[in-house]
């Protein structure tokens, strides 16, 4: 059976969300107690493995026992994959325990399988599905950390009914444990210079991949069947671009788990330490830091949620939010963790001890792939083209059903429906009279964001061609402002959808008021401060989730404990 671009919207359900929560709890339980010194996947063991630059010996058994590979296999091929946002939610569990392992087992696997689901023949898709369902692991070779085809990709020349590979690939996090390789190789010149080749078990280079994490695969006159070609010859660059778009949304979303784990460690430290009769979290200065970190993590997840769901709901118009997520989500997560680093002091910098995982998770976040930075394409093309478009409410609503993912379709970053939704969102908020003490600040924040959008549109339209490239500082500045603006719209959308539909913290105007205030101030605009009680409400939610072992993201998912 070959995957095809399905149509229609798949309905969501409470039972399906419960099943996802159960899978997350099961995977979390497989990791065992983090503080147990005898646990081969506890924090002490993970820290030792990190110091020795190796993967914990117990990891393969964990992945096989949970059937982790099934998360990446579409349901049509016997797996569990239905939506990108759900996949990211599950993989966050690995990131929460160890970000480096999350990159090696989650992000890398997605990069290796996405081109096969997009362009592979039926037999190739079935082979990769069987491999993953049986506990195997494919890896991608010939792409860099930014998912672009590497300059030093191996070369492949056609020789009758086979391709002959020569050269080295980029270092590959999980090639050491791979049972198949997706190799992006140079097969020609010009725009169609690269092709994708799927090397199955028995076709891998002997003895080149087993040196531990991060080996550099090497090929010397290595022949593989011509049937290894994925898609058409010369299509590798296009497949890599699509892979980059998926990864730009998915990898930052997965990494929310690493920030969650770091913030969890910091909250645990602050609750354990006493200052006279109070814990550190009760100190006003520290309380402000924790509130800010929690809000940054929530905003980052709102943007990650919106971006991953736009891939399903708006596949031809998701480019702008995908670019913003790739740029801003890692930045917000890093800011959240950096913000509370001072609370731990030296305890967060040591390599051993009960709080040493804070520093490791902080380093793991710094290893996330860097996003290319250009001036926002949609705003360069003119915001008027997207004015009036509406974003489906399901984009902002976790658990709502979405159309199936078109693995092959490439988002066109020439429209920005999320930004064009802002005026209507703002008008709705400013017209409400039921927001109590938050109405004035929230209305002022929305008005400031609309002004920011107008300024951004004008400045992008005035850019000269030489300012559009990645290195230009003005283009970088505009891209960062655009990313923060879309993060604000995403947070506003998630709150509006929760308000009246899903009772709980996300429906409370307190957090979105405080979050938008932070973003508006970062954009250089002045608005009134939120009510004095807002900070306490936000921190109270953070502490309640910590005590009851629930995630700090928008899903508020119970953990194994």
Foldseek 3Di string as FASTA:
>chain_A
DADDQDDDWDFFDPVVVVVLLVLLQVLLVLLPEQPDPPRLNHVQNVLVCVVVVFDRPCVLVSCQVSLVLLCLQDVVLPGDDFFLLSSLVNLLSVLLSALLVSCQAPVFQLLFCLLCNQFNDPVSSNQSSCQSSNSAGEGEWQADLLLARDPQFWAWEDDPFKIWTFGKTFFTFHLQRHQKYWGWHQHDDDQLGTWTFIQGHVQADPPQRNPGGGGIRGGDRRIDGNSRTGHDRSCSRLLSLLSSLSSLLRVLSSNLSLLLNLLLLLVVQQCVDDDVPHGNCPPVVLLVLLLQLLLLSQLLNLLSLLLRQCLFAVVQASRQSSLLNSAPSLVSSLSSLVSSCVVCPVVCVDSDDDRVSSVSSNVSSVPRRHGQFFAQQQLLLPQVVQAPDAGPLVSLPPRGITRGRNSNGHHDRNYDNLLNCLVVLLVVLQPDDPQPQLSQLSNVLSVLLVVLVVVLSVVSNPDDPVCGHRPRPVRRVSSNLSSLSSSLSSLSSNCVSCQPPPDDDSVRVLSSSQSSCVSSVVSVDDTDHGDPCSSVVSVVVVVVLSVQQFTSYPVRRHHND
